[in-house]
Amino acid sequence: MVYVRLEQDWTDPQGNQHQAGAMVDVDAGTLAQLQADGIVGETEWVGPSGGGGGTDWVGPSDGGTDWVGPSGDPSGSGSGT
């Protein structure tokens, strides 16, 4: 399964309607058909924030430096305090 953003409104094979901009989970065959019909575009995923700007995603904080882990402890001690 592939998670994609719709460029246009789409009704799935079960009759469920999805509006443009919605994120849907589809199989590879359905994805190929949606691409052929121009319903989804091909874009590179830039992280959960969806932000682009030409930079790599650096973690949940997007702080502009390498992400140091969930604790945010740059010393590497892992204590987070």
Protein backbone atom coordinates (compact mmCIF):
# COMPACT_ATOMS: atom_id res chain seq x y z
CA MET A 1 0.00 0.00 0.00
CA VAL A 2 1.07 3.55 -0.75
CA TYR A 3 -0.10 6.73 0.97
CA VAL A 4 -0.72 9.50 -1.58
CA ARG A 5 -2.22 13.00 -1.76
CA LEU A 6 -4.98 13.45 -4.32
CA GLU A 7 -4.62 16.28 -6.84
CA GLN A 8 -8.29 15.94 -7.88
CA ASP A 9 -11.51 14.57 -6.39
CA TRP A 10 -11.70 10.77 -6.69
CA THR A 11 -14.26 8.06 -6.01
CA ASP A 12 -12.64 4.77 -4.99
CA PRO A 13 -13.86 1.37 -6.22
CA GLN A 14 -16.02 0.99 -3.08
CA GLY A 15 -17.87 4.22 -3.91
CA ASN A 16 -16.20 6.35 -1.21
CA GLN A 17 -15.62 9.92 -2.34
CA HIS A 18 -12.32 11.64 -1.56
CA GLN A 19 -11.71 15.33 -2.14
CA ALA A 20 -8.62 16.86 -3.73
CA GLY A 21 -5.90 17.28 -1.11
CA ALA A 22 -6.99 14.19 0.84
CA MET A 23 -4.42 11.57 1.74
CA VAL A 24 -5.43 8.01 0.80
CA ASP A 25 -3.85 4.57 1.05
CA VAL A 26 -3.92 2.71 -2.28
CA ASP A 27 -2.35 -0.42 -3.74
CA ALA A 28 0.27 -0.26 -6.51
CA GLY A 29 -2.24 -1.01 -9.29
CA THR A 30 -4.62 1.72 -8.15
CA LEU A 31 -1.70 4.14 -7.81
CA ALA A 32 -0.65 3.46 -11.40
CA GLN A 33 -4.20 4.15 -12.62
CA LEU A 34 -4.48 7.33 -10.53
CA GLN A 35 -1.17 8.58 -11.95
CA ALA A 36 -2.24 7.77 -15.50
CA ASP A 37 -5.49 9.68 -14.96
CA GLY A 38 -3.66 12.67 -13.42
CA ILE A 39 -5.46 12.29 -10.09
CA VAL A 40 -2.21 12.08 -8.13
CA GLY A 41 1.08 13.78 -8.87
CA GLU A 42 4.55 12.50 -8.27
CA THR A 43 6.20 14.51 -5.52
CA GLU A 44 9.10 13.69 -3.25
CA TRP A 45 8.18 13.25 0.41
CA VAL A 46 9.91 15.84 2.62
CA GLY A 47 9.00 14.57 6.08
CA PRO A 48 5.94 14.61 8.28
CA SER A 49 5.78 18.39 8.41
CA GLY A 50 5.34 18.58 4.65
CA GLY A 51 7.67 21.54 4.55
CA GLY A 52 9.98 21.87 1.61
CA GLY A 53 12.44 24.65 1.11
CA GLY A 54 15.03 22.37 -0.42
CA THR A 55 16.40 21.10 2.89
CA ASP A 56 16.38 17.64 4.38
CA TRP A 57 14.08 16.98 7.31
CA VAL A 58 16.12 17.17 10.53
CA GLY A 59 13.70 15.68 13.03
CA PRO A 60 10.51 16.62 14.82
CA SER A 61 11.76 20.05 15.88
CA ASP A 62 13.05 21.03 12.41
CA GLY A 63 15.57 23.15 14.28
CA GLY A 64 18.11 23.47 11.49
CA THR A 65 20.69 21.13 13.02
CA ASP A 66 21.05 17.38 13.05
CA TRP A 67 18.40 15.82 15.21
CA VAL A 68 19.92 14.36 18.37
CA GLY A 69 17.10 12.03 19.35
CA PRO A 70 13.83 12.21 21.23
CA SER A 71 15.45 13.60 24.37
CA GLY A 72 17.04 16.51 22.51
CA ASP A 73 20.25 15.94 24.53
CA PRO A 74 23.18 17.02 22.33
CA SER A 75 25.74 15.68 24.84
CA GLY A 76 24.85 12.13 23.91
CA SER A 77 24.33 11.11 27.54
CA GLY A 78 20.73 10.19 26.78
CA SER A 79 19.50 11.60 30.07
CA GLY A 80 17.54 14.42 28.42
CA THR A 81 17.97 16.60 31.49
